[in-house]
Amino acid sequence: MVKTARLWLAACVALCATLLVSGCASGAATITGTLDAGNGACFYVRGQDANGTDVYWLRQLPSDYETDEHGLIKPDGSHIGIGDSLTVSGTLSFVLWNGQCTNGPMSALDATAIE
């Protein structure tokens, strides 16, 4: 009976791990919203959805963008400030916890283009 319980537990753990990994799958996305800042140099896009506000962590920016305490610096030197509207395209994934910029489960966006 103990052996059966262990096999059942192992099967449940394998199934849960499979579901968790498939839930974290990445996909292409374009998000329009406002720029927001978190702790330190972490930036987010607040976009509207049917349930209120979705928050997307800009985990990675295009290589030609820089940041400062006021927002994002475009390649031409112009600025996207906190609260400004922007559209970000890139790879979307779900992050359970990274300890640096997120404080819980949220969507992360590895940006390839910002307008």
Protein backbone atom coordinates (compact mmCIF):
# COMPACT_ATOMS: atom_id res chain seq x y z
CA MET A 1 0.00 0.00 0.00
CA VAL A 2 2.88 2.41 0.79
CA LYS A 3 4.44 1.63 -2.58
CA THR A 4 1.17 2.45 -4.37
CA ALA A 5 0.90 5.75 -2.50
CA ARG A 6 4.47 6.65 -3.50
CA LEU A 7 3.79 5.83 -7.15
CA TRP A 8 0.61 7.93 -7.04
CA LEU A 9 2.51 10.84 -5.44
CA ALA A 10 5.29 10.59 -8.05
CA ALA A 11 2.71 10.62 -10.86
CA CYS A 12 1.01 13.70 -9.36
CA VAL A 13 4.33 15.53 -9.02
CA ALA A 14 5.24 14.74 -12.65
CA LEU A 15 1.82 15.91 -13.87
CA CYS A 16 2.00 19.15 -11.86
CA ALA A 17 5.51 19.87 -13.14
CA THR A 18 4.35 19.34 -16.73
CA LEU A 19 1.39 21.68 -16.25
CA LEU A 20 3.58 24.29 -14.57
CA VAL A 21 6.14 24.29 -17.37
CA SER A 22 3.50 24.41 -20.08
CA GLY A 23 1.85 27.34 -18.25
CA CYS A 24 5.14 29.23 -18.38
CA ALA A 25 5.47 28.93 -22.13
CA SER A 26 6.51 31.99 -24.06
CA GLY A 27 4.78 33.70 -26.93
CA ALA A 28 4.97 36.87 -29.00
CA ALA A 29 2.99 39.82 -27.67
CA THR A 30 2.40 43.52 -28.21
CA ILE A 31 1.35 45.44 -25.09
CA THR A 32 0.08 49.02 -25.03
CA GLY A 33 -0.11 50.86 -21.73
CA THR A 34 1.70 53.31 -19.49
CA LEU A 35 5.24 53.08 -18.19
CA ASP A 36 5.57 52.48 -14.46
CA ALA A 37 8.60 51.92 -12.25
CA GLY A 38 9.12 49.55 -9.38
CA ASN A 39 11.97 49.05 -6.98
CA GLY A 40 15.29 50.23 -8.37
CA ALA A 41 15.67 49.99 -12.13
CA CYS A 42 12.64 47.74 -12.72
CA PHE A 43 10.12 49.04 -15.24
CA TYR A 44 6.60 47.83 -15.96
CA VAL A 45 3.89 48.46 -18.55
CA ARG A 46 0.38 48.84 -17.14
CA GLY A 47 -2.11 47.73 -19.78
CA GLN A 48 -5.88 47.48 -19.52
CA ASP A 49 -7.70 44.16 -19.73
CA ALA A 50 -11.29 43.08 -19.11
CA ASN A 51 -10.61 42.52 -15.39
CA GLY A 52 -8.89 45.83 -14.65
CA THR A 53 -5.19 46.44 -15.03
CA ASP A 54 -2.56 43.94 -16.19
CA VAL A 55 1.05 44.63 -15.28
CA TYR A 56 3.90 43.44 -17.50
CA TRP A 57 7.46 43.53 -16.18
CA LEU A 58 9.97 44.71 -18.82
CA ARG A 59 12.49 42.02 -17.96
CA GLN A 60 14.70 42.84 -20.93
CA LEU A 61 14.87 45.98 -23.10
CA PRO A 62 16.19 46.30 -26.65
CA SER A 63 19.98 46.73 -26.58
CA ASP A 64 19.82 50.32 -27.87
CA TYR A 65 17.60 51.51 -24.96
CA GLU A 66 18.88 52.77 -21.62
CA THR A 67 17.21 53.63 -18.33
CA ASP A 68 17.46 56.32 -15.70
CA GLU A 69 15.41 57.19 -12.61
CA HIS A 70 12.81 58.95 -14.78
CA GLY A 71 12.15 56.22 -17.34
CA LEU A 72 13.54 54.90 -20.62
CA ILE A 73 16.00 56.63 -22.92
CA LYS A 74 15.41 55.96 -26.62
CA PRO A 75 18.30 55.48 -29.09
CA ASP A 76 17.79 59.05 -30.37
CA GLY A 77 18.21 60.44 -26.83
CA SER A 78 14.53 61.25 -26.27
CA HIS A 79 12.80 60.06 -23.13
CA ILE A 80 9.79 57.89 -22.25
CA GLY A 81 8.86 59.03 -18.76
CA ILE A 82 6.95 57.33 -15.98
CA GLY A 83 3.25 57.60 -16.82
CA ASP A 84 3.85 58.05 -20.56
CA SER A 85 1.98 55.83 -23.02
CA LEU A 86 4.00 53.27 -24.98
CA THR A 87 3.65 50.11 -27.05
CA VAL A 88 6.08 47.28 -26.43
CA SER A 89 6.54 44.16 -28.57
CA GLY A 90 8.50 41.10 -27.61
CA THR A 91 8.39 37.67 -26.05
CA LEU A 92 5.91 37.22 -23.23
CA SER A 93 6.38 34.66 -20.48
CA PHE A 94 5.07 34.01 -17.01
CA VAL A 95 7.50 34.49 -14.11
CA LEU A 96 6.82 32.80 -10.79
CA TRP A 97 9.53 34.62 -8.82
CA ASN A 98 12.94 36.04 -9.53
CA GLY A 99 13.56 37.98 -6.33
CA GLN A 100 14.98 41.03 -8.08
CA CYS A 101 12.11 42.91 -9.67
CA THR A 102 9.02 40.81 -9.07
CA ASN A 103 7.25 40.15 -5.81
CA GLY A 104 5.05 37.36 -7.06
CA PRO A 105 3.66 35.74 -10.19
CA MET A 106 3.42 38.11 -13.14
CA SER A 107 3.90 38.34 -16.88
CA ALA A 108 7.39 39.27 -18.06
CA LEU A 109 8.13 40.82 -21.43
CA ASP A 110 11.50 40.57 -23.12
CA ALA A 111 11.10 43.62 -25.35
CA THR A 112 12.37 43.67 -28.92
CA ALA A 113 10.71 46.97 -29.95
CA ILE A 114 9.32 50.00 -28.12
CA GLU A 115 7.20 52.77 -29.66
